[in-house]
Amino acid sequence: MTREWLRSGVFKDDPNADLKATRIIQELGDRAITKSHSRHILPGAAQNLGLNILPLESDQSLQDAVLSVHHATILTMSMTPAVKII
């Protein structure tokens, strides 16, 4: 499923879509490398895998909005009995 999403979405018009999707799945799906689902992946490492990323810091307005939502969510989860936010 993930391979198909990468091929049809992220790499839609890329002639190397299959190769890139396979490499990303192999690298990010390898527990010996990632060790856990929550392990941080640096932007440079993601770009080296072939992912098209844009650092959040490159758009100050977007970064402020994302951090506002993040902080509100963290506060809600830690200060209320909420267990899920959709």
PDB file of N, CA and C in Angstrom:
ATOM      1  N   MET A   1       0.827  -1.178   0.000  1.00  0.00           N
ATOM      2  CA  MET A   1       0.000   0.000   0.000  1.00  0.00           C
ATOM      3  C   MET A   1       0.881   1.256   0.000  1.00  0.00           C
ATOM      4  N   THR A   2       1.874   1.299   0.869  1.00  0.00           N
ATOM      5  CA  THR A   2       2.736   2.476   0.950  1.00  0.00           C
ATOM      6  C   THR A   2       3.510   2.684  -0.344  1.00  0.00           C
ATOM      7  N   ARG A   3       4.004   1.606  -0.905  1.00  0.00           N
ATOM      8  CA  ARG A   3       4.747   1.703  -2.172  1.00  0.00           C
ATOM      9  C   ARG A   3       3.868   2.337  -3.251  1.00  0.00           C
ATOM     10  N   GLU A   4       2.624   1.910  -3.323  1.00  0.00           N
ATOM     11  CA  GLU A   4       1.716   2.447  -4.334  1.00  0.00           C
ATOM     12  C   GLU A   4       1.429   3.923  -4.079  1.00  0.00           C
ATOM     13  N   TRP A   5       1.251   4.307  -2.832  1.00  0.00           N
ATOM     14  CA  TRP A   5       1.021   5.727  -2.499  1.00  0.00           C
ATOM     15  C   TRP A   5       2.220   6.573  -2.899  1.00  0.00           C
ATOM     16  N   LEU A   6       3.417   6.074  -2.627  1.00  0.00           N
ATOM     17  CA  LEU A   6       4.617   6.807  -3.029  1.00  0.00           C
ATOM     18  C   LEU A   6       4.684   6.929  -4.551  1.00  0.00           C
ATOM     19  N   ARG A   7       4.424   5.838  -5.250  1.00  0.00           N
ATOM     20  CA  ARG A   7       4.490   5.863  -6.722  1.00  0.00           C
ATOM     21  C   ARG A   7       3.425   6.767  -7.321  1.00  0.00           C
ATOM     22  N   SER A   8       2.210   6.700  -6.822  1.00  0.00           N
ATOM     23  CA  SER A   8       1.107   7.442  -7.438  1.00  0.00           C
ATOM     24  C   SER A   8       0.957   8.863  -6.903  1.00  0.00           C
ATOM     25  N   GLY A   9       1.592   9.153  -5.776  1.00  0.00           N
ATOM     26  CA  GLY A   9       1.465  10.479  -5.189  1.00  0.00           C
ATOM     27  C   GLY A   9       2.771  11.252  -5.206  1.00  0.00           C
ATOM     28  N   VAL A  10       3.654  10.902  -4.316  1.00  0.00           N
ATOM     29  CA  VAL A  10       4.914  11.629  -4.139  1.00  0.00           C
ATOM     30  C   VAL A  10       5.738  11.645  -5.429  1.00  0.00           C
ATOM     31  N   PHE A  11       5.810  10.513  -6.111  1.00  0.00           N
ATOM     32  CA  PHE A  11       6.634  10.394  -7.308  1.00  0.00           C
ATOM     33  C   PHE A  11       5.792  10.183  -8.572  1.00  0.00           C
ATOM     34  N   LYS A  12       4.628  10.791  -8.610  1.00  0.00           N
ATOM     35  CA  LYS A  12       3.652  10.571  -9.681  1.00  0.00           C
ATOM     36  C   LYS A  12       4.247  10.623 -11.094  1.00  0.00           C
ATOM     37  N   ASP A  13       4.991  11.640 -11.425  1.00  0.00           N
ATOM     38  CA  ASP A  13       5.510  11.792 -12.786  1.00  0.00           C
ATOM     39  C   ASP A  13       7.007  11.485 -12.890  1.00  0.00           C
ATOM     40  N   ASP A  14       7.537  10.820 -11.900  1.00  0.00           N
ATOM     41  CA  ASP A  14       8.964  10.507 -11.864  1.00  0.00           C
ATOM     42  C   ASP A  14       9.209   9.166 -12.555  1.00  0.00           C
ATOM     43  N   PRO A  15      10.106   9.129 -13.559  1.00  0.00           N
ATOM     44  CA  PRO A  15      10.370   7.861 -14.253  1.00  0.00           C
ATOM     45  C   PRO A  15      11.029   6.813 -13.350  1.00  0.00           C
ATOM     46  N   ASN A  16      11.609   7.243 -12.231  1.00  0.00           N
ATOM     47  CA  ASN A  16      12.247   6.318 -11.292  1.00  0.00           C
ATOM     48  C   ASN A  16      11.383   6.076 -10.056  1.00  0.00           C
ATOM     49  N   ALA A  17      10.090   6.242 -10.194  1.00  0.00           N
ATOM     50  CA  ALA A  17       9.174   6.136  -9.055  1.00  0.00           C
ATOM     51  C   ALA A  17       9.284   4.789  -8.346  1.00  0.00           C
ATOM     52  N   ASP A  18       9.328   3.698  -9.097  1.00  0.00           N
ATOM     53  CA  ASP A  18       9.403   2.370  -8.477  1.00  0.00           C
ATOM     54  C   ASP A  18      10.680   2.208  -7.656  1.00  0.00           C
ATOM     55  N   LEU A  19      11.791   2.603  -8.217  1.00  0.00           N
ATOM     56  CA  LEU A  19      13.077   2.479  -7.540  1.00  0.00           C
ATOM     57  C   LEU A  19      13.115   3.334  -6.270  1.00  0.00           C
ATOM     58  N   LYS A  20      12.645   4.577  -6.378  1.00  0.00           N
ATOM     59  CA  LYS A  20      12.651   5.472  -5.224  1.00  0.00           C
ATOM     60  C   LYS A  20      11.724   4.967  -4.124  1.00  0.00           C
ATOM     61  N   ALA A  21      10.533   4.522  -4.505  1.00  0.00           N
ATOM     62  CA  ALA A  21       9.573   4.025  -3.518  1.00  0.00           C
ATOM     63  C   ALA A  21      10.127   2.802  -2.795  1.00  0.00           C
ATOM     64  N   THR A  22      10.737   1.909  -3.539  1.00  0.00           N
ATOM     65  CA  THR A  22      11.312   0.699  -2.936  1.00  0.00           C
ATOM     66  C   THR A  22      12.436   1.062  -1.969  1.00  0.00           C
ATOM     67  N   ARG A  23      13.295   1.977  -2.352  1.00  0.00           N
ATOM     68  CA  ARG A  23      14.415   2.377  -1.487  1.00  0.00           C
ATOM     69  C   ARG A  23      13.904   3.004  -0.195  1.00  0.00           C
ATOM     70  N   ILE A  24      12.927   3.873  -0.289  1.00  0.00           N
ATOM     71  CA  ILE A  24      12.384   4.537   0.895  1.00  0.00           C
ATOM     72  C   ILE A  24      11.753   3.520   1.838  1.00  0.00           C
ATOM     73  N   ILE A  25      10.996   2.603   1.296  1.00  0.00           N
ATOM     74  CA  ILE A  25      10.353   1.577   2.125  1.00  0.00           C
ATOM     75  C   ILE A  25      11.399   0.686   2.789  1.00  0.00           C
ATOM     76  N   GLN A  26      12.423   0.317   2.045  1.00  0.00           N
ATOM     77  CA  GLN A  26      13.481  -0.529   2.627  1.00  0.00           C
ATOM     78  C   GLN A  26      14.209   0.192   3.762  1.00  0.00           C
ATOM     79  N   GLU A  27      14.540   1.454   3.557  1.00  0.00           N
ATOM     80  CA  GLU A  27      15.291   2.206   4.568  1.00  0.00           C
ATOM     81  C   GLU A  27      14.437   2.523   5.788  1.00  0.00           C
ATOM     82  N   LEU A  28      13.253   3.085   5.576  1.00  0.00           N
ATOM     83  CA  LEU A  28      12.419   3.499   6.702  1.00  0.00           C
ATOM     84  C   LEU A  28      11.712   2.328   7.366  1.00  0.00           C
ATOM     85  N   GLY A  29      11.593   1.221   6.660  1.00  0.00           N
ATOM     86  CA  GLY A  29      10.942   0.047   7.218  1.00  0.00           C
ATOM     87  C   GLY A  29      11.894  -0.916   7.903  1.00  0.00           C
ATOM     88  N   ASP A  30      13.173  -0.610   7.873  1.00  0.00           N
ATOM     89  CA  ASP A  30      14.181  -1.479   8.475  1.00  0.00           C
ATOM     90  C   ASP A  30      14.335  -1.138   9.953  1.00  0.00           C
ATOM     91  N   ARG A  31      13.859  -2.014  10.819  1.00  0.00           N
ATOM     92  CA  ARG A  31      13.897  -1.752  12.262  1.00  0.00           C
ATOM     93  C   ARG A  31      15.322  -1.618  12.792  1.00  0.00           C
ATOM     94  N   ALA A  32      16.275  -2.219  12.123  1.00  0.00           N
ATOM     95  CA  ALA A  32      17.672  -2.085  12.558  1.00  0.00           C
ATOM     96  C   ALA A  32      18.167  -0.652  12.376  1.00  0.00           C
ATOM     97  N   ILE A  33      17.578   0.061  11.426  1.00  0.00           N
ATOM     98  CA  ILE A  33      17.968   1.448  11.163  1.00  0.00           C
ATOM     99  C   ILE A  33      17.105   2.417  11.975  1.00  0.00           C
ATOM    100  N   THR A  34      15.802   2.243  11.903  1.00  0.00           N
ATOM    101  CA  THR A  34      14.897   3.212  12.545  1.00  0.00           C
ATOM    102  C   THR A  34      14.634   2.903  14.009  1.00  0.00           C
ATOM    103  N   LYS A  35      14.750   1.654  14.406  1.00  0.00           N
ATOM    104  CA  LYS A  35      14.605   1.183  15.783  1.00  0.00           C
ATOM    105  C   LYS A  35      13.206   1.373  16.386  1.00  0.00           C
ATOM    106  N   SER A  36      12.508   2.431  16.056  1.00  0.00           N
ATOM    107  CA  SER A  36      11.137   2.603  16.560  1.00  0.00           C
ATOM    108  C   SER A  36      10.367   3.533  15.633  1.00  0.00           C
ATOM    109  N   HIS A  37       9.057   3.512  15.760  1.00  0.00           N
ATOM    110  CA  HIS A  37       8.191   4.334  14.915  1.00  0.00           C
ATOM    111  C   HIS A  37       8.423   5.818  15.165  1.00  0.00           C
ATOM    112  N   SER A  38       8.818   6.173  16.366  1.00  0.00           N
ATOM    113  CA  SER A  38       8.949   7.587  16.713  1.00  0.00           C
ATOM    114  C   SER A  38      10.361   8.147  16.537  1.00  0.00           C
ATOM    115  N   ARG A  39      11.245   7.396  15.940  1.00  0.00           N
ATOM    116  CA  ARG A  39      12.630   7.858  15.783  1.00  0.00           C
ATOM    117  C   ARG A  39      12.699   9.020  14.789  1.00  0.00           C
ATOM    118  N   HIS A  40      13.428  10.049  15.170  1.00  0.00           N
ATOM    119  CA  HIS A  40      13.559  11.259  14.369  1.00  0.00           C
ATOM    120  C   HIS A  40      14.410  10.993  13.127  1.00  0.00           C
ATOM    121  N   ILE A  41      13.977  11.524  11.992  1.00  0.00           N
ATOM    122  CA  ILE A  41      14.741  11.429  10.750  1.00  0.00           C
ATOM    123  C   ILE A  41      15.098  12.850  10.341  1.00  0.00           C
ATOM    124  N   LEU A  42      16.370  13.136  10.248  1.00  0.00           N
ATOM    125  CA  LEU A  42      16.822  14.483   9.905  1.00  0.00           C
ATOM    126  C   LEU A  42      16.458  14.829   8.463  1.00  0.00           C
ATOM    127  N   PRO A  43      16.209  16.116   8.182  1.00  0.00           N
ATOM    128  CA  PRO A  43      15.842  16.528   6.822  1.00  0.00           C
ATOM    129  C   PRO A  43      16.839  16.068   5.754  1.00  0.00           C
ATOM    130  N   GLY A  44      18.121  16.183   6.042  1.00  0.00           N
ATOM    131  CA  GLY A  44      19.126  15.753   5.060  1.00  0.00           C
ATOM    132  C   GLY A  44      19.040  14.273   4.758  1.00  0.00           C
ATOM    133  N   ALA A  45      18.796  13.469   5.783  1.00  0.00           N
ATOM    134  CA  ALA A  45      18.661  12.022   5.589  1.00  0.00           C
ATOM    135  C   ALA A  45      17.422  11.720   4.752  1.00  0.00           C
ATOM    136  N   ALA A  46      16.333  12.432   5.006  1.00  0.00           N
ATOM    137  CA  ALA A  46      15.106  12.228   4.226  1.00  0.00           C
ATOM    138  C   ALA A  46      15.331  12.617   2.766  1.00  0.00           C
ATOM    139  N   GLN A  47      16.033  13.717   2.543  1.00  0.00           N
ATOM    140  CA  GLN A  47      16.330  14.143   1.174  1.00  0.00           C
ATOM    141  C   GLN A  47      17.250  13.138   0.483  1.00  0.00           C
ATOM    142  N   ASN A  48      18.213  12.584   1.216  1.00  0.00           N
ATOM    143  CA  ASN A  48      19.116  11.587   0.633  1.00  0.00           C
ATOM    144  C   ASN A  48      18.379  10.322   0.217  1.00  0.00           C
ATOM    145  N   LEU A  49      17.263  10.043   0.872  1.00  0.00           N
ATOM    146  CA  LEU A  49      16.448   8.886   0.489  1.00  0.00           C
ATOM    147  C   LEU A  49      15.653   9.157  -0.785  1.00  0.00           C
ATOM    148  N   GLY A  50      15.536  10.434  -1.149  1.00  0.00           N
ATOM    149  CA  GLY A  50      14.771  10.787  -2.338  1.00  0.00           C
ATOM    150  C   GLY A  50      13.438  11.426  -2.034  1.00  0.00           C
ATOM    151  N   LEU A  51      13.164  11.662  -0.759  1.00  0.00           N
ATOM    152  CA  LEU A  51      11.913  12.329  -0.398  1.00  0.00           C
ATOM    153  C   LEU A  51      12.005  13.814  -0.727  1.00  0.00           C
ATOM    154  N   ASN A  52      10.929  14.347  -1.258  1.00  0.00           N
ATOM    155  CA  ASN A  52      10.863  15.766  -1.572  1.00  0.00           C
ATOM    156  C   ASN A  52      10.321  16.481  -0.343  1.00  0.00           C
ATOM    157  N   ILE A  53      11.210  17.078   0.429  1.00  0.00           N
ATOM    158  CA  ILE A  53      10.779  17.737   1.655  1.00  0.00           C
ATOM    159  C   ILE A  53      11.166  19.205   1.617  1.00  0.00           C
ATOM    160  N   LEU A  54      10.438  19.978   2.391  1.00  0.00           N
ATOM    161  CA  LEU A  54      10.723  21.397   2.563  1.00  0.00           C
ATOM    162  C   LEU A  54      10.769  21.638   4.064  1.00  0.00           C
ATOM    163  N   PRO A  55      11.908  22.078   4.587  1.00  0.00           N
ATOM    164  CA  PRO A  55      11.986  22.299   6.040  1.00  0.00           C
ATOM    165  C   PRO A  55      10.936  23.298   6.515  1.00  0.00           C
ATOM    166  N   LEU A  56      10.290  22.983   7.612  1.00  0.00           N
ATOM    167  CA  LEU A  56       9.254  23.844   8.171  1.00  0.00           C
ATOM    168  C   LEU A  56       9.799  25.246   8.435  1.00  0.00           C
ATOM    169  N   GLU A  57      11.066  25.333   8.798  1.00  0.00           N
ATOM    170  CA  GLU A  57      11.683  26.618   9.101  1.00  0.00           C
ATOM    171  C   GLU A  57      11.781  27.544   7.891  1.00  0.00           C
ATOM    172  N   SER A  58      11.585  27.020   6.706  1.00  0.00           N
ATOM    173  CA  SER A  58      11.695  27.850   5.504  1.00  0.00           C
ATOM    174  C   SER A  58      10.457  28.713   5.275  1.00  0.00           C
ATOM    175  N   ASP A  59       9.389  28.464   6.006  1.00  0.00           N
ATOM    176  CA  ASP A  59       8.152  29.255   5.893  1.00  0.00           C
ATOM    177  C   ASP A  59       7.714  29.634   7.305  1.00  0.00           C
ATOM    178  N   GLN A  60       8.064  30.845   7.727  1.00  0.00           N
ATOM    179  CA  GLN A  60       7.829  31.269   9.103  1.00  0.00           C
ATOM    180  C   GLN A  60       6.352  31.239   9.482  1.00  0.00           C
ATOM    181  N   SER A  61       5.466  31.651   8.591  1.00  0.00           N
ATOM    182  CA  SER A  61       4.029  31.646   8.891  1.00  0.00           C
ATOM    183  C   SER A  61       3.511  30.221   9.097  1.00  0.00           C
ATOM    184  N   LEU A  62       3.929  29.325   8.225  1.00  0.00           N
ATOM    185  CA  LEU A  62       3.517  27.926   8.360  1.00  0.00           C
ATOM    186  C   LEU A  62       4.087  27.332   9.636  1.00  0.00           C
ATOM    187  N   GLN A  63       5.353  27.612   9.927  1.00  0.00           N
ATOM    188  CA  GLN A  63       5.970  27.094  11.147  1.00  0.00           C
ATOM    189  C   GLN A  63       5.214  27.586  12.385  1.00  0.00           C
ATOM    190  N   ASP A  64       4.858  28.857  12.428  1.00  0.00           N
ATOM    191  CA  ASP A  64       4.112  29.398  13.563  1.00  0.00           C
ATOM    192  C   ASP A  64       2.766  28.695  13.724  1.00  0.00           C
ATOM    193  N   ALA A  65       2.082  28.472  12.608  1.00  0.00           N
ATOM    194  CA  ALA A  65       0.776  27.812  12.658  1.00  0.00           C
ATOM    195  C   ALA A  65       0.901  26.372  13.141  1.00  0.00           C
ATOM    196  N   VAL A  66       1.871  25.647  12.610  1.00  0.00           N
ATOM    197  CA  VAL A  66       2.067  24.251  13.000  1.00  0.00           C
ATOM    198  C   VAL A  66       2.449  24.152  14.478  1.00  0.00           C
ATOM    199  N   LEU A  67       3.353  25.013  14.923  1.00  0.00           N
ATOM    200  CA  LEU A  67       3.761  24.984  16.331  1.00  0.00           C
ATOM    201  C   LEU A  67       2.621  25.373  17.262  1.00  0.00           C
ATOM    202  N   SER A  68       1.757  26.289  16.835  1.00  0.00           N
ATOM    203  CA  SER A  68       0.589  26.664  17.647  1.00  0.00           C
ATOM    204  C   SER A  68      -0.337  25.469  17.836  1.00  0.00           C
ATOM    205  N   VAL A  69      -0.598  24.747  16.758  1.00  0.00           N
ATOM    206  CA  VAL A  69      -1.448  23.555  16.858  1.00  0.00           C
ATOM    207  C   VAL A  69      -0.762  22.493  17.714  1.00  0.00           C
ATOM    208  N   HIS A  70       0.532  22.298  17.506  1.00  0.00           N
ATOM    209  CA  HIS A  70       1.286  21.310  18.282  1.00  0.00           C
ATOM    210  C   HIS A  70       1.224  21.631  19.780  1.00  0.00           C
ATOM    211  N   HIS A  71       1.506  22.873  20.136  1.00  0.00           N
ATOM    212  CA  HIS A  71       1.502  23.256  21.544  1.00  0.00           C
ATOM    213  C   HIS A  71       0.114  23.130  22.160  1.00  0.00           C
ATOM    214  N   ALA A  72      -0.911  23.532  21.427  1.00  0.00           N
ATOM    215  CA  ALA A  72      -2.275  23.400  21.937  1.00  0.00           C
ATOM    216  C   ALA A  72      -2.636  21.934  22.150  1.00  0.00           C
ATOM    217  N   THR A  73      -2.201  21.086  21.247  1.00  0.00           N
ATOM    218  CA  THR A  73      -2.476  19.653  21.372  1.00  0.00           C
ATOM    219  C   THR A  73      -1.741  19.061  22.569  1.00  0.00           C
ATOM    220  N   ILE A  74      -0.480  19.385  22.721  1.00  0.00           N
ATOM    221  CA  ILE A  74       0.306  18.874  23.849  1.00  0.00           C
ATOM    222  C   ILE A  74      -0.304  19.325  25.177  1.00  0.00           C
ATOM    223  N   LEU A  75      -0.668  20.591  25.266  1.00  0.00           N
ATOM    224  CA  LEU A  75      -1.294  21.093  26.498  1.00  0.00           C
ATOM    225  C   LEU A  75      -2.618  20.402  26.773  1.00  0.00           C
ATOM    226  N   THR A  76      -3.419  20.227  25.739  1.00  0.00           N
ATOM    227  CA  THR A  76      -4.712  19.557  25.905  1.00  0.00           C
ATOM    228  C   THR A  76      -4.530  18.128  26.399  1.00  0.00           C
ATOM    229  N   MET A  77      -3.568  17.407  25.796  1.00  0.00           N
ATOM    230  CA  MET A  77      -3.352  16.015  26.176  1.00  0.00           C
ATOM    231  C   MET A  77      -2.760  15.880  27.579  1.00  0.00           C
ATOM    232  N   SER A  78      -1.979  16.865  28.016  1.00  0.00           N
ATOM    233  CA  SER A  78      -1.341  16.754  29.329  1.00  0.00           C
ATOM    234  C   SER A  78      -2.173  17.372  30.457  1.00  0.00           C
ATOM    235  N   MET A  79      -3.088  18.268  30.132  1.00  0.00           N
ATOM    236  CA  MET A  79      -3.813  18.983  31.176  1.00  0.00           C
ATOM    237  C   MET A  79      -5.304  18.628  31.257  1.00  0.00           C
ATOM    238  N   THR A  80      -5.769  17.743  30.387  1.00  0.00           N
ATOM    239  CA  THR A  80      -7.182  17.352  30.389  1.00  0.00           C
ATOM    240  C   THR A  80      -7.268  15.822  30.347  1.00  0.00           C
ATOM    241  N   PRO A  81      -8.460  15.275  30.557  1.00  0.00           N
ATOM    242  CA  PRO A  81      -8.603  13.817  30.440  1.00  0.00           C
ATOM    243  C   PRO A  81      -8.729  13.327  28.993  1.00  0.00           C
ATOM    244  N   ALA A  82      -8.528  14.210  28.027  1.00  0.00           N
ATOM    245  CA  ALA A  82      -8.642  13.817  26.619  1.00  0.00           C
ATOM    246  C   ALA A  82      -7.604  12.743  26.289  1.00  0.00           C
ATOM    247  N   VAL A  83      -8.011  11.768  25.487  1.00  0.00           N
ATOM    248  CA  VAL A  83      -7.094  10.711  25.069  1.00  0.00           C
ATOM    249  C   VAL A  83      -6.935  10.653  23.547  1.00  0.00           C
ATOM    250  N   LYS A  84      -7.737  11.456  22.835  1.00  0.00           N
ATOM    251  CA  LYS A  84      -7.679  11.425  21.392  1.00  0.00           C
ATOM    252  C   LYS A  84      -8.163  12.761  20.838  1.00  0.00           C
ATOM    253  N   ILE A  85      -7.464  13.266  19.836  1.00  0.00           N
ATOM    254  CA  ILE A  85      -7.865  14.498  19.174  1.00  0.00           C
ATOM    255  C   ILE A  85      -7.875  14.193  17.669  1.00  0.00           C
ATOM    256  N   ILE A  86      -8.976  14.548  17.033  1.00  0.00           N
ATOM    257  CA  ILE A  86      -9.091  14.307  15.593  1.00  0.00           C
ATOM    258  C   ILE A  86      -9.105  15.652  14.884  1.00  0.00           C
TER     259      ILE A  86
END
